[in-house]
N, C-alpha and C. Protein backbone atom coordinates (compact mmCIF):
# COMPACT_ATOMS: atom_id res chain seq x y z
N MET A 1 59.42 -26.77 8.22
CA MET A 1 60.11 -26.87 9.52
C MET A 1 60.36 -25.49 10.05
N SER A 2 59.80 -25.09 11.34
CA SER A 2 59.98 -23.91 12.01
C SER A 2 61.15 -23.64 12.81
N SER A 3 61.74 -22.47 12.46
CA SER A 3 63.04 -22.01 12.85
C SER A 3 62.62 -21.33 14.30
N ASN A 4 62.70 -22.03 15.44
CA ASN A 4 62.59 -21.40 16.81
C ASN A 4 63.86 -21.19 17.46
N LEU A 5 64.63 -20.19 17.01
CA LEU A 5 66.02 -20.03 17.40
C LEU A 5 66.47 -18.74 17.71
N ALA A 6 67.59 -18.69 18.14
CA ALA A 6 68.19 -17.29 18.71
C ALA A 6 69.48 -17.23 17.77
N THR A 7 69.88 -16.04 17.39
CA THR A 7 71.08 -16.00 16.77
C THR A 7 72.01 -14.78 17.51
N ASP A 8 73.11 -15.03 17.17
CA ASP A 8 73.92 -13.86 17.77
C ASP A 8 74.33 -12.86 16.89
N ALA A 9 74.71 -11.62 17.48
CA ALA A 9 74.96 -10.46 16.69
C ALA A 9 76.16 -10.71 15.60
N HIS A 10 77.07 -11.46 15.78
CA HIS A 10 78.19 -11.87 14.97
C HIS A 10 77.66 -12.49 13.69
N GLU A 11 76.70 -13.52 13.71
CA GLU A 11 76.09 -14.13 12.62
C GLU A 11 75.31 -13.35 11.73
N LEU A 12 74.60 -12.23 12.33
CA LEU A 12 73.86 -11.40 11.54
C LEU A 12 74.76 -10.35 10.90
N LYS A 13 75.79 -9.84 11.62
CA LYS A 13 76.82 -8.89 11.15
C LYS A 13 77.32 -9.61 9.79
N SER A 14 77.84 -10.81 10.01
CA SER A 14 78.39 -11.67 8.86
C SER A 14 77.44 -11.63 7.65
N ARG A 15 76.14 -11.82 7.93
CA ARG A 15 75.25 -12.02 6.85
C ARG A 15 75.08 -10.67 6.11
N LEU A 16 75.06 -9.48 6.93
CA LEU A 16 75.04 -8.29 6.30
C LEU A 16 76.18 -7.81 5.81
N GLU A 17 77.47 -8.29 6.07
CA GLU A 17 78.51 -7.80 5.43
C GLU A 17 79.06 -8.79 4.13
N TRP A 18 78.41 -9.99 4.07
CA TRP A 18 78.45 -10.61 2.82
C TRP A 18 77.33 -10.46 1.87
N GLY A 19 76.39 -9.53 2.32
CA GLY A 19 75.45 -9.04 1.30
C GLY A 19 74.43 -10.03 1.06
N GLN A 20 74.16 -11.05 2.02
CA GLN A 20 73.11 -11.96 1.74
C GLN A 20 71.80 -11.47 1.69
N PRO A 21 70.99 -11.62 0.77
CA PRO A 21 69.69 -10.90 0.67
C PRO A 21 68.65 -11.77 1.30
N ALA A 22 67.21 -11.42 1.27
CA ALA A 22 66.21 -11.98 1.50
C ALA A 22 65.94 -12.23 3.02
N PHE A 23 66.21 -11.18 3.79
CA PHE A 23 66.03 -11.22 5.14
C PHE A 23 65.63 -9.75 5.70
N THR A 24 65.08 -9.80 6.76
CA THR A 24 64.43 -8.60 7.46
C THR A 24 64.76 -8.46 8.71
N ILE A 25 65.20 -7.33 9.21
CA ILE A 25 65.38 -7.07 10.66
C ILE A 25 64.34 -6.17 11.14
N ILE A 26 63.73 -6.64 12.28
CA ILE A 26 62.54 -5.87 12.89
C ILE A 26 63.09 -5.38 14.27
N ASP A 27 62.85 -4.09 14.51
CA ASP A 27 63.24 -3.50 15.79
C ASP A 27 61.86 -3.14 16.38
N VAL A 28 61.44 -3.99 17.42
CA VAL A 28 60.20 -3.67 18.17
C VAL A 28 60.26 -2.59 19.37
N ARG A 29 61.40 -1.92 19.55
CA ARG A 29 61.51 -1.04 20.49
C ARG A 29 60.51 0.23 20.03
N ASP A 30 60.43 1.27 21.04
CA ASP A 30 59.52 2.33 20.75
C ASP A 30 60.19 3.23 19.63
N ARG A 31 59.38 4.06 18.98
CA ARG A 31 59.83 5.08 18.02
C ARG A 31 61.01 5.79 18.41
N HIS A 32 61.00 6.32 19.65
CA HIS A 32 61.93 7.14 20.23
C HIS A 32 63.39 6.43 20.21
N SER A 33 63.38 5.35 20.59
CA SER A 33 64.65 4.61 20.67
C SER A 33 65.10 4.16 19.44
N TYR A 34 64.22 3.87 18.44
CA TYR A 34 64.52 3.46 17.14
C TYR A 34 65.21 4.57 16.48
N ASN A 35 64.60 5.84 16.63
CA ASN A 35 65.08 7.10 15.77
C ASN A 35 66.39 7.47 16.36
N TYR A 36 66.60 7.20 17.81
CA TYR A 36 68.06 7.66 18.34
C TYR A 36 69.00 6.75 17.67
N VAL A 37 68.92 5.42 17.77
CA VAL A 37 69.84 4.52 16.97
C VAL A 37 69.26 3.13 16.91
N HIS A 38 69.52 2.51 15.79
CA HIS A 38 69.18 1.08 15.58
C HIS A 38 70.13 0.50 14.46
N ILE A 39 69.82 -0.79 14.33
CA ILE A 39 70.62 -1.58 13.40
C ILE A 39 70.40 -1.12 11.95
N SER A 40 71.34 -0.86 11.21
CA SER A 40 71.24 -0.40 9.85
C SER A 40 70.36 -1.23 8.92
N GLY A 41 69.46 -0.82 8.53
CA GLY A 41 68.45 -1.48 7.71
C GLY A 41 67.27 -2.02 8.50
N ALA A 42 67.28 -1.85 9.65
CA ALA A 42 66.14 -2.36 10.47
C ALA A 42 64.88 -1.54 10.24
N ILE A 43 63.69 -2.24 10.24
CA ILE A 43 62.54 -1.51 10.19
C ILE A 43 61.84 -1.44 11.70
N GLN A 44 61.25 -0.57 11.92
CA GLN A 44 60.71 -0.33 13.43
C GLN A 44 59.15 -0.71 13.23
N ILE A 45 58.74 -1.80 13.95
CA ILE A 45 57.29 -2.22 14.13
C ILE A 45 57.00 -2.25 15.70
N PRO A 46 56.36 -1.71 16.31
CA PRO A 46 55.95 -1.74 17.67
C PRO A 46 55.37 -3.11 17.94
N VAL A 47 55.49 -3.74 19.13
CA VAL A 47 55.16 -4.98 19.33
C VAL A 47 53.44 -5.07 19.24
N ASP A 48 52.75 -4.06 19.59
CA ASP A 48 51.27 -3.96 19.48
C ASP A 48 50.83 -4.15 18.04
N ASP A 49 51.66 -3.63 16.94
CA ASP A 49 51.23 -3.71 15.68
C ASP A 49 51.94 -4.84 14.78
N LEU A 50 52.65 -5.43 15.60
CA LEU A 50 53.66 -6.45 14.89
C LEU A 50 52.79 -7.47 13.90
N GLU A 51 51.88 -8.05 14.59
CA GLU A 51 51.20 -9.20 13.76
C GLU A 51 50.60 -8.64 12.61
N LYS A 52 49.81 -7.56 12.64
CA LYS A 52 49.05 -7.05 11.62
C LYS A 52 49.99 -6.49 10.55
N ARG A 53 51.14 -5.72 10.76
CA ARG A 53 51.88 -5.07 10.04
C ARG A 53 52.73 -6.09 9.26
N ALA A 54 53.25 -7.07 9.95
CA ALA A 54 54.30 -8.09 9.41
C ALA A 54 53.43 -9.00 8.41
N THR A 55 52.13 -9.34 8.84
CA THR A 55 51.31 -10.16 7.93
C THR A 55 50.90 -9.50 6.52
N PHE A 56 50.78 -8.17 6.74
CA PHE A 56 50.34 -7.45 5.44
C PHE A 56 51.65 -7.09 4.63
N SER A 57 52.90 -7.03 5.05
CA SER A 57 53.91 -6.58 4.39
C SER A 57 55.12 -7.59 4.04
N LEU A 58 55.09 -8.79 4.80
CA LEU A 58 56.20 -9.79 4.63
C LEU A 58 55.75 -11.12 4.45
N HIS A 59 56.45 -11.83 3.55
CA HIS A 59 56.15 -13.18 3.17
C HIS A 59 56.36 -14.20 4.32
N LYS A 60 55.55 -15.23 4.55
CA LYS A 60 55.63 -15.99 5.64
C LYS A 60 56.95 -16.79 5.88
N GLN A 61 57.55 -17.04 4.56
CA GLN A 61 58.81 -17.77 4.68
C GLN A 61 60.12 -16.80 4.72
N ARG A 62 59.79 -15.54 4.91
CA ARG A 62 60.92 -14.72 4.85
C ARG A 62 61.77 -14.73 6.08
N HIS A 63 62.97 -14.63 5.98
CA HIS A 63 64.02 -14.76 7.20
C HIS A 63 63.92 -13.54 7.79
N ILE A 64 63.42 -13.52 9.23
CA ILE A 64 63.23 -12.31 9.92
C ILE A 64 64.06 -12.38 11.14
N TYR A 65 64.90 -11.47 11.61
CA TYR A 65 65.67 -11.20 12.71
C TYR A 65 64.95 -10.12 13.58
N VAL A 66 64.61 -10.52 14.85
CA VAL A 66 63.90 -9.54 15.53
C VAL A 66 64.76 -9.17 16.99
N TYR A 67 64.46 -7.94 17.23
CA TYR A 67 65.25 -7.60 18.41
C TYR A 67 64.36 -6.40 19.10
N GLY A 68 64.47 -6.31 20.60
CA GLY A 68 63.75 -5.35 21.38
C GLY A 68 64.53 -4.61 22.29
N GLU A 69 63.85 -4.27 23.31
CA GLU A 69 64.54 -3.42 24.54
C GLU A 69 65.17 -4.50 25.28
N ASN A 70 64.75 -5.55 25.52
CA ASN A 70 65.37 -6.61 26.40
C ASN A 70 64.98 -8.14 25.78
N GLU A 71 65.57 -9.11 26.51
CA GLU A 71 65.17 -10.39 26.02
C GLU A 71 63.86 -10.74 25.90
N GLN A 72 62.96 -10.26 27.19
CA GLN A 72 61.60 -10.65 26.98
C GLN A 72 60.79 -9.98 25.97
N GLN A 73 61.12 -8.65 25.78
CA GLN A 73 60.58 -8.00 24.49
C GLN A 73 60.71 -8.89 23.38
N THR A 74 61.93 -9.18 22.95
CA THR A 74 62.50 -9.80 21.98
C THR A 74 61.76 -11.17 21.83
N ALA A 75 61.68 -11.85 22.82
CA ALA A 75 60.98 -13.10 22.77
C ALA A 75 59.51 -13.05 22.53
N THR A 76 58.81 -12.09 23.18
CA THR A 76 57.44 -11.75 22.92
C THR A 76 57.13 -11.55 21.49
N ALA A 77 57.91 -10.66 20.89
CA ALA A 77 57.79 -10.30 19.64
C ALA A 77 57.94 -11.46 18.59
N ALA A 78 59.13 -12.43 18.88
CA ALA A 78 59.31 -13.48 18.06
C ALA A 78 58.20 -14.65 18.20
N GLN A 79 57.53 -14.58 19.34
CA GLN A 79 56.41 -15.58 19.42
C GLN A 79 55.22 -15.04 18.81
N ILE A 80 54.96 -13.71 18.65
CA ILE A 80 53.78 -13.10 17.94
C ILE A 80 54.06 -13.55 16.48
N LEU A 81 55.23 -13.45 15.98
CA LEU A 81 55.45 -13.49 14.41
C LEU A 81 55.19 -15.04 14.23
N ARG A 82 55.90 -16.08 15.21
CA ARG A 82 55.58 -17.54 14.93
C ARG A 82 54.18 -17.84 14.99
N ASP A 83 53.54 -17.37 15.88
CA ASP A 83 52.07 -17.47 16.12
C ASP A 83 51.27 -17.07 14.77
N ALA A 84 51.82 -16.04 14.19
CA ALA A 84 51.08 -15.54 13.06
C ALA A 84 51.42 -16.26 11.61
N GLY A 85 52.32 -17.36 11.91
CA GLY A 85 52.61 -18.27 10.76
C GLY A 85 53.99 -17.96 10.10
N PHE A 86 54.87 -16.96 10.71
CA PHE A 86 56.15 -16.90 10.07
C PHE A 86 57.01 -17.98 10.64
N THR A 87 57.73 -18.64 9.67
CA THR A 87 58.34 -19.91 9.94
C THR A 87 59.91 -19.72 10.24
N GLU A 88 60.41 -18.52 9.72
CA GLU A 88 61.92 -18.41 9.88
C GLU A 88 62.27 -17.05 10.73
N VAL A 89 62.01 -17.21 11.95
CA VAL A 89 62.25 -16.08 12.87
C VAL A 89 63.33 -16.30 13.87
N ALA A 90 64.25 -15.45 13.93
CA ALA A 90 65.38 -15.65 14.90
C ALA A 90 65.58 -14.45 15.83
N GLU A 91 65.65 -14.66 17.18
CA GLU A 91 65.87 -13.64 17.96
C GLU A 91 67.38 -13.15 18.10
N ILE A 92 67.60 -11.99 18.13
CA ILE A 92 69.02 -11.50 18.23
C ILE A 92 69.53 -11.63 19.79
N LYS A 93 70.12 -12.57 20.12
CA LYS A 93 70.46 -12.58 21.52
C LYS A 93 71.30 -11.31 21.93
N GLY A 94 70.85 -10.82 23.04
CA GLY A 94 71.43 -9.52 23.56
C GLY A 94 70.95 -8.36 22.90
N GLY A 95 70.11 -8.49 21.74
CA GLY A 95 69.54 -7.33 21.17
C GLY A 95 70.45 -6.21 20.67
N PHE A 96 70.02 -4.98 20.81
CA PHE A 96 70.80 -4.06 20.21
C PHE A 96 71.99 -3.88 20.86
N ILE A 97 72.06 -4.00 22.14
CA ILE A 97 73.55 -3.92 23.01
C ILE A 97 74.48 -4.77 22.48
N ALA A 98 74.18 -6.09 22.28
CA ALA A 98 74.95 -7.16 21.67
C ALA A 98 75.58 -6.62 20.06
N TRP A 99 74.77 -6.04 19.47
CA TRP A 99 74.72 -5.59 18.10
C TRP A 99 76.10 -4.35 18.12
N LYS A 100 75.79 -3.48 19.15
CA LYS A 100 76.68 -2.47 19.34
C LYS A 100 78.21 -2.89 19.81
N ILE A 101 78.30 -4.01 20.69
CA ILE A 101 79.34 -4.68 21.13
C ILE A 101 80.15 -5.23 20.00
N VAL A 102 79.55 -5.90 19.02
CA VAL A 102 80.20 -6.49 17.91
C VAL A 102 80.52 -5.35 16.84
N GLY A 103 80.13 -4.17 17.03
CA GLY A 103 80.54 -3.10 16.05
C GLY A 103 79.66 -3.17 14.76
N GLY A 104 78.38 -3.64 14.94
CA GLY A 104 77.64 -3.78 13.79
C GLY A 104 77.27 -2.44 13.24
N ALA A 105 76.86 -2.20 12.02
CA ALA A 105 76.40 -0.95 11.47
C ALA A 105 75.21 -0.43 12.09
N MET A 106 75.27 0.88 12.45
CA MET A 106 74.11 1.40 13.11
C MET A 106 73.58 2.90 12.25
N GLU A 107 72.39 3.22 12.57
CA GLU A 107 71.97 4.35 12.00
C GLU A 107 70.95 5.05 12.79
N GLY A 108 70.76 6.31 12.83
CA GLY A 108 70.03 7.18 13.73
C GLY A 108 70.54 8.39 14.19
N LEU A 109 69.83 8.98 15.09
CA LEU A 109 70.34 10.48 15.34
C LEU A 109 71.64 10.58 16.30
N ALA A 110 71.75 9.39 16.84
CA ALA A 110 73.11 9.27 17.75
C ALA A 110 74.18 8.70 16.92
N VAL A 111 74.27 8.53 15.70
CA VAL A 111 75.45 8.15 14.89
C VAL A 111 76.03 9.24 14.16
């Protein structure tokens, strides 16, 4: 069964705080934005490299949360992953801004 869903930042924050393992957060924004500030533990993979790098390094059933610069970039990235055979992909609604609003853990140069 394919998870074609969006999640809110509160849900992801709860998972991180409870220490639930076995998921990956992917930031598809550009390297500069990622280096400046990103969700703690997120890995940066540009949209253009997403299919190749994810297929090479992540299990197809791994739970993946993805966010980008805006809703469209996030949706595009999630679709790329789903088309590549990843079955557990969730888009973080509101992306990084929503994460910041709920007080989620961040890291980077701006923190």
